[in-house]
Amino acid sequence: MGSFERLYDESERAKIRFVGFVSEHGRYDYGIVYTHLFFGKPLVICMQTGRSSLLSIEDVENIEYLKQIFNLQSREEAEELGIFLRENLPAQSIEPF
């Protein structure tokens, strides 16, 4: 087995939120992991598909990116997810616990 250079090995107490909601386009179940790592970007996980991404408020503005990363079927679904995330992601890095 080859040698590896460790880039990071951090532990922290993370705040995790699970949210489910329904719209005219479908049901959505997401986990949001708020962390101090990764420049404070929360990890957003689709509980139905397991797809995840580190997202900032700026990332959420890119509807096509949301559609691709979470494998959504329509632009309307991605727009709904974008609205939800804009209302639920921190505007900037989170404060220490």
C-alpha atoms as a PDB file:
ATOM      1  CA  MET A   1       0.000   0.000   0.000  1.00  0.00           C
ATOM      2  CA  GLY A   2       1.325   3.439  -0.924  1.00  0.00           C
ATOM      3  CA  SER A   3       1.960   6.296   1.435  1.00  0.00           C
ATOM      4  CA  PHE A   4      -0.631   9.013   1.980  1.00  0.00           C
ATOM      5  CA  GLU A   5      -0.183  12.640   2.953  1.00  0.00           C
ATOM      6  CA  ARG A   6      -2.894  13.572   5.442  1.00  0.00           C
ATOM      7  CA  LEU A   7      -4.585  16.817   4.423  1.00  0.00           C
ATOM      8  CA  TYR A   8      -6.786  17.181   7.484  1.00  0.00           C
ATOM      9  CA  ASP A   9      -8.234  15.138  10.320  1.00  0.00           C
ATOM     10  CA  GLU A  10     -10.647  17.270  12.309  1.00  0.00           C
ATOM     11  CA  SER A  11     -13.414  16.543  14.770  1.00  0.00           C
ATOM     12  CA  GLU A  12     -16.098  18.964  15.863  1.00  0.00           C
ATOM     13  CA  ARG A  13     -19.540  19.056  17.351  1.00  0.00           C
ATOM     14  CA  ALA A  14     -21.803  19.832  14.438  1.00  0.00           C
ATOM     15  CA  LYS A  15     -25.336  21.176  14.369  1.00  0.00           C
ATOM     16  CA  ILE A  16     -27.520  19.023  12.105  1.00  0.00           C
ATOM     17  CA  ARG A  17     -31.017  19.835  10.933  1.00  0.00           C
ATOM     18  CA  PHE A  18     -33.386  17.471   9.115  1.00  0.00           C
ATOM     19  CA  VAL A  19     -36.195  19.060   7.105  1.00  0.00           C
ATOM     20  CA  GLY A  20     -38.942  17.543   5.005  1.00  0.00           C
ATOM     21  CA  PHE A  21     -41.383  19.515   2.920  1.00  0.00           C
ATOM     22  CA  VAL A  22     -43.794  19.000   0.066  1.00  0.00           C
ATOM     23  CA  SER A  23     -44.707  21.199  -2.893  1.00  0.00           C
ATOM     24  CA  GLU A  24     -46.767  20.788  -6.020  1.00  0.00           C
ATOM     25  CA  HIS A  25     -43.694  19.217  -7.683  1.00  0.00           C
ATOM     26  CA  GLY A  26     -42.838  16.602  -5.064  1.00  0.00           C
ATOM     27  CA  ARG A  27     -41.606  15.713  -1.614  1.00  0.00           C
ATOM     28  CA  TYR A  28     -38.193  16.789  -0.362  1.00  0.00           C
ATOM     29  CA  ASP A  29     -36.204  15.439   2.588  1.00  0.00           C
ATOM     30  CA  TYR A  30     -32.887  17.105   3.363  1.00  0.00           C
ATOM     31  CA  GLY A  31     -30.280  17.061   6.071  1.00  0.00           C
ATOM     32  CA  ILE A  32     -28.225  20.206   6.631  1.00  0.00           C
ATOM     33  CA  VAL A  33     -24.928  19.831   8.506  1.00  0.00           C
ATOM     34  CA  TYR A  34     -23.640  23.156   9.794  1.00  0.00           C
ATOM     35  CA  THR A  35     -19.863  23.006  10.185  1.00  0.00           C
ATOM     36  CA  HIS A  36     -16.910  25.300  10.736  1.00  0.00           C
ATOM     37  CA  LEU A  37     -14.924  23.344   8.171  1.00  0.00           C
ATOM     38  CA  PHE A  38     -15.029  24.051   4.443  1.00  0.00           C
ATOM     39  CA  PHE A  39     -15.182  27.828   4.904  1.00  0.00           C
ATOM     40  CA  GLY A  40     -18.406  27.493   6.897  1.00  0.00           C
ATOM     41  CA  LYS A  41     -20.386  26.099   3.961  1.00  0.00           C
ATOM     42  CA  PRO A  42     -23.110  23.734   5.207  1.00  0.00           C
ATOM     43  CA  LEU A  43     -23.259  20.222   3.815  1.00  0.00           C
ATOM     44  CA  VAL A  44     -26.710  19.708   2.259  1.00  0.00           C
ATOM     45  CA  ILE A  45     -27.743  16.069   1.844  1.00  0.00           C
ATOM     46  CA  CYS A  46     -30.793  14.785  -0.025  1.00  0.00           C
ATOM     47  CA  MET A  47     -32.052  12.004   2.242  1.00  0.00           C
ATOM     48  CA  GLN A  48     -33.902  10.332  -0.653  1.00  0.00           C
ATOM     49  CA  THR A  49     -30.964   9.975  -3.042  1.00  0.00           C
ATOM     50  CA  GLY A  50     -27.894  10.444  -0.850  1.00  0.00           C
ATOM     51  CA  ARG A  51     -26.626  13.214  -3.134  1.00  0.00           C
ATOM     52  CA  SER A  52     -24.866  15.994  -1.258  1.00  0.00           C
ATOM     53  CA  SER A  53     -22.990  19.219  -1.748  1.00  0.00           C
ATOM     54  CA  LEU A  54     -21.331  21.963   0.262  1.00  0.00           C
ATOM     55  CA  LEU A  55     -23.445  25.038  -0.462  1.00  0.00           C
ATOM     56  CA  SER A  56     -23.278  28.727   0.279  1.00  0.00           C
ATOM     57  CA  ILE A  57     -26.006  31.280  -0.367  1.00  0.00           C
ATOM     58  CA  GLU A  58     -24.152  32.248  -3.549  1.00  0.00           C
ATOM     59  CA  ASP A  59     -24.164  28.622  -4.747  1.00  0.00           C
ATOM     60  CA  VAL A  60     -27.926  28.399  -4.239  1.00  0.00           C
ATOM     61  CA  GLU A  61     -28.474  31.189  -6.774  1.00  0.00           C
ATOM     62  CA  ASN A  62     -27.249  28.855  -9.539  1.00  0.00           C
ATOM     63  CA  ILE A  63     -30.467  26.968 -10.317  1.00  0.00           C
ATOM     64  CA  GLU A  64     -28.878  24.776 -13.009  1.00  0.00           C
ATOM     65  CA  TYR A  65     -26.183  23.693 -10.541  1.00  0.00           C
ATOM     66  CA  LEU A  66     -28.838  22.695  -7.988  1.00  0.00           C
ATOM     67  CA  LYS A  67     -30.720  20.773 -10.655  1.00  0.00           C
ATOM     68  CA  GLN A  68     -27.585  18.889 -11.658  1.00  0.00           C
ATOM     69  CA  ILE A  69     -26.098  18.221  -8.219  1.00  0.00           C
ATOM     70  CA  PHE A  70     -29.359  16.896  -6.727  1.00  0.00           C
ATOM     71  CA  ASN A  71     -30.498  15.234  -9.992  1.00  0.00           C
ATOM     72  CA  LEU A  72     -33.805  17.106 -10.040  1.00  0.00           C
ATOM     73  CA  GLN A  73     -36.168  16.455 -12.924  1.00  0.00           C
ATOM     74  CA  SER A  74     -37.217  20.028 -13.676  1.00  0.00           C
ATOM     75  CA  ARG A  75     -36.102  23.611 -13.346  1.00  0.00           C
ATOM     76  CA  GLU A  76     -39.200  24.248 -11.212  1.00  0.00           C
ATOM     77  CA  GLU A  77     -38.028  21.681  -8.642  1.00  0.00           C
ATOM     78  CA  ALA A  78     -34.591  23.306  -8.559  1.00  0.00           C
ATOM     79  CA  GLU A  79     -36.158  26.756  -8.116  1.00  0.00           C
ATOM     80  CA  GLU A  80     -38.251  25.488  -5.182  1.00  0.00           C
ATOM     81  CA  LEU A  81     -35.189  23.953  -3.579  1.00  0.00           C
ATOM     82  CA  GLY A  82     -33.307  27.208  -4.136  1.00  0.00           C
ATOM     83  CA  ILE A  83     -36.030  29.189  -2.362  1.00  0.00           C
ATOM     84  CA  PHE A  84     -35.980  26.777   0.563  1.00  0.00           C
ATOM     85  CA  LEU A  85     -32.185  26.846   0.861  1.00  0.00           C
ATOM     86  CA  ARG A  86     -31.995  30.660   0.632  1.00  0.00           C
ATOM     87  CA  GLU A  87     -34.337  30.808   3.617  1.00  0.00           C
ATOM     88  CA  ASN A  88     -32.477  28.145   5.604  1.00  0.00           C
ATOM     89  CA  LEU A  89     -28.758  28.468   4.934  1.00  0.00           C
ATOM     90  CA  PRO A  90     -26.684  30.985   6.878  1.00  0.00           C
ATOM     91  CA  ALA A  91     -25.780  34.163   5.036  1.00  0.00           C
ATOM     92  CA  GLN A  92     -22.201  33.739   6.185  1.00  0.00           C
ATOM     93  CA  SER A  93     -20.058  31.401   8.250  1.00  0.00           C
ATOM     94  CA  ILE A  94     -21.746  30.088  11.359  1.00  0.00           C
ATOM     95  CA  GLU A  95     -20.840  31.303  14.810  1.00  0.00           C
ATOM     96  CA  PRO A  96     -19.046  28.983  17.229  1.00  0.00           C
ATOM     97  CA  PHE A  97     -21.315  26.758  19.303  1.00  0.00           C
END
